[in-house]
Amino acid sequence: MDSLEEIRTIIESILLEYTKIPYAYGDFHSEAIFDRVRDRYVLMNVGWDNGRRVHGSLVHIDIIDGKLWIQRDGLEHGVASELIEAGVPKSRIVLAFKSPEVRKMIPEFAVA
């Protein structure tokens, strides 16, 4: 799994699958936003729930220096596990939503 193009495609396919899942409540949906030029990938929730606006990122991944920086992971099972299942090595995944001190204690993942 060395190709940056292959990794981009994997991220996009994982996030696109979540846009197909309907929510059981509220009037909102998920949107996938891809910026291949800057290597930013976001899954957003957008809409309304019980009169309240829903607008926020569920998943945010940046590719920085060939590593996948998971900036936000609001998925139940975690996007990192789906990336690993798709063939991305743990050594290329940075759990950026965790503090640098905590990342050091998870040796199977990249620290930075």
Protein backbone atom coordinates (compact mmCIF):
# COMPACT_ATOMS: atom_id res chain seq x y z
CA MET A 1 0.00 0.00 0.00
CA ASP A 2 2.42 2.65 -1.19
CA SER A 3 0.41 4.58 -3.73
CA LEU A 4 -0.95 7.90 -2.52
CA GLU A 5 -3.61 7.67 -5.21
CA GLU A 6 -4.69 4.28 -3.85
CA ILE A 7 -4.93 5.67 -0.31
CA ARG A 8 -7.01 8.64 -1.51
CA THR A 9 -9.40 6.24 -3.23
CA ILE A 10 -9.71 4.11 -0.08
CA ILE A 11 -10.52 7.12 2.11
CA GLU A 12 -13.10 8.37 -0.38
CA SER A 13 -14.80 4.99 -0.73
CA ILE A 14 -15.05 4.55 3.05
CA LEU A 15 -16.54 8.01 3.57
CA LEU A 16 -18.92 7.69 0.62
CA GLU A 17 -20.40 4.52 2.13
CA TYR A 18 -21.47 6.54 5.18
CA THR A 19 -23.37 9.02 2.99
CA LYS A 20 -25.66 6.15 1.94
CA ILE A 21 -26.80 5.33 5.49
CA PRO A 22 -30.07 7.08 6.38
CA TYR A 23 -30.57 8.40 9.89
CA ALA A 24 -33.47 6.95 11.88
CA TYR A 25 -34.39 10.32 13.39
CA GLY A 26 -34.12 13.97 12.46
CA ASP A 27 -33.98 15.50 9.02
CA PHE A 28 -30.26 15.39 8.32
CA HIS A 29 -27.80 13.47 6.21
CA SER A 30 -24.08 12.97 5.77
CA GLU A 31 -22.04 14.64 3.05
CA ALA A 32 -18.55 13.66 1.93
CA ILE A 33 -16.20 16.52 1.08
CA PHE A 34 -12.96 15.73 -0.75
CA ASP A 35 -10.08 18.10 -1.51
CA ARG A 36 -7.49 16.03 -3.37
CA VAL A 37 -5.29 19.07 -4.04
CA ARG A 38 -4.76 19.70 -0.31
CA ASP A 39 -5.47 16.08 0.73
CA ARG A 40 -8.35 16.82 3.09
CA TYR A 41 -11.29 14.44 3.48
CA VAL A 42 -14.34 15.22 5.61
CA LEU A 43 -17.63 13.53 6.41
CA MET A 44 -20.18 16.13 7.57
CA ASN A 45 -23.62 15.85 9.13
CA VAL A 46 -25.98 18.52 7.80
CA GLY A 47 -29.67 19.23 8.45
CA TRP A 48 -32.11 19.60 11.33
CA ASP A 49 -32.97 17.51 14.38
CA ASN A 50 -35.95 18.43 16.56
CA GLY A 51 -35.74 22.10 15.58
CA ARG A 52 -31.98 22.31 16.12
CA ARG A 53 -29.42 22.81 13.38
CA VAL A 54 -27.08 19.90 12.75
CA HIS A 55 -23.83 20.88 11.07
CA GLY A 56 -20.51 19.36 12.02
CA SER A 57 -17.78 17.00 11.02
CA LEU A 58 -18.13 13.34 11.81
CA VAL A 59 -14.77 12.36 10.29
CA HIS A 60 -11.83 14.51 9.19
CA ILE A 61 -8.70 13.00 7.66
CA ASP A 62 -5.69 14.89 6.27
CA ILE A 63 -2.82 13.32 4.37
CA ILE A 64 0.38 14.96 5.59
CA ASP A 65 3.80 13.75 4.44
CA GLY A 66 2.29 10.46 3.29
CA LYS A 67 0.58 9.70 6.60
CA LEU A 68 -3.15 9.75 7.32
CA TRP A 69 -3.86 12.17 10.15
CA ILE A 70 -7.27 11.36 11.62
CA GLN A 71 -8.21 14.76 13.02
CA ARG A 72 -11.76 13.74 14.05
CA ASP A 73 -13.34 10.32 14.31
CA GLY A 74 -16.96 10.27 15.37
CA LEU A 75 -17.74 6.83 13.95
CA GLU A 76 -18.95 4.10 16.29
CA HIS A 77 -16.29 1.58 15.24
CA GLY A 78 -13.65 4.10 14.23
CA VAL A 79 -12.45 5.02 10.77
CA ALA A 80 -8.93 3.76 11.62
CA SER A 81 -10.18 0.17 11.80
CA GLU A 82 -11.83 0.54 8.39
CA LEU A 83 -8.63 1.96 6.90
CA ILE A 84 -6.65 -0.96 8.32
CA GLU A 85 -9.18 -3.47 6.94
CA ALA A 86 -8.75 -1.81 3.53
CA GLY A 87 -4.99 -2.39 3.66
CA VAL A 88 -3.57 0.84 5.08
CA PRO A 89 -0.72 -0.03 7.49
CA LYS A 90 -1.10 1.22 11.06
CA SER A 91 2.33 2.80 10.73
CA ARG A 92 0.84 5.30 8.24
CA ILE A 93 -2.09 6.29 10.48
CA VAL A 94 -1.77 9.10 13.04
CA LEU A 95 -4.55 9.31 15.63
CA ALA A 96 -4.32 13.11 15.67
CA PHE A 97 -7.47 13.46 17.81
CA LYS A 98 -5.42 12.02 20.68
CA SER A 99 -2.78 14.10 22.44
CA PRO A 100 0.87 13.56 21.44
CA GLU A 101 1.54 12.03 24.86
CA VAL A 102 -1.23 9.45 24.42
CA ARG A 103 -0.12 8.68 20.84
CA LYS A 104 3.31 7.67 22.17
CA MET A 105 1.62 4.95 24.24
CA ILE A 106 -0.03 3.39 21.14
CA PRO A 107 3.08 2.04 19.40
CA GLU A 108 1.35 0.25 16.52
CA PHE A 109 0.16 3.59 15.09
CA ALA A 110 2.29 6.46 13.80
CA VAL A 111 3.13 9.15 16.37
CA ALA A 112 3.53 11.94 13.78
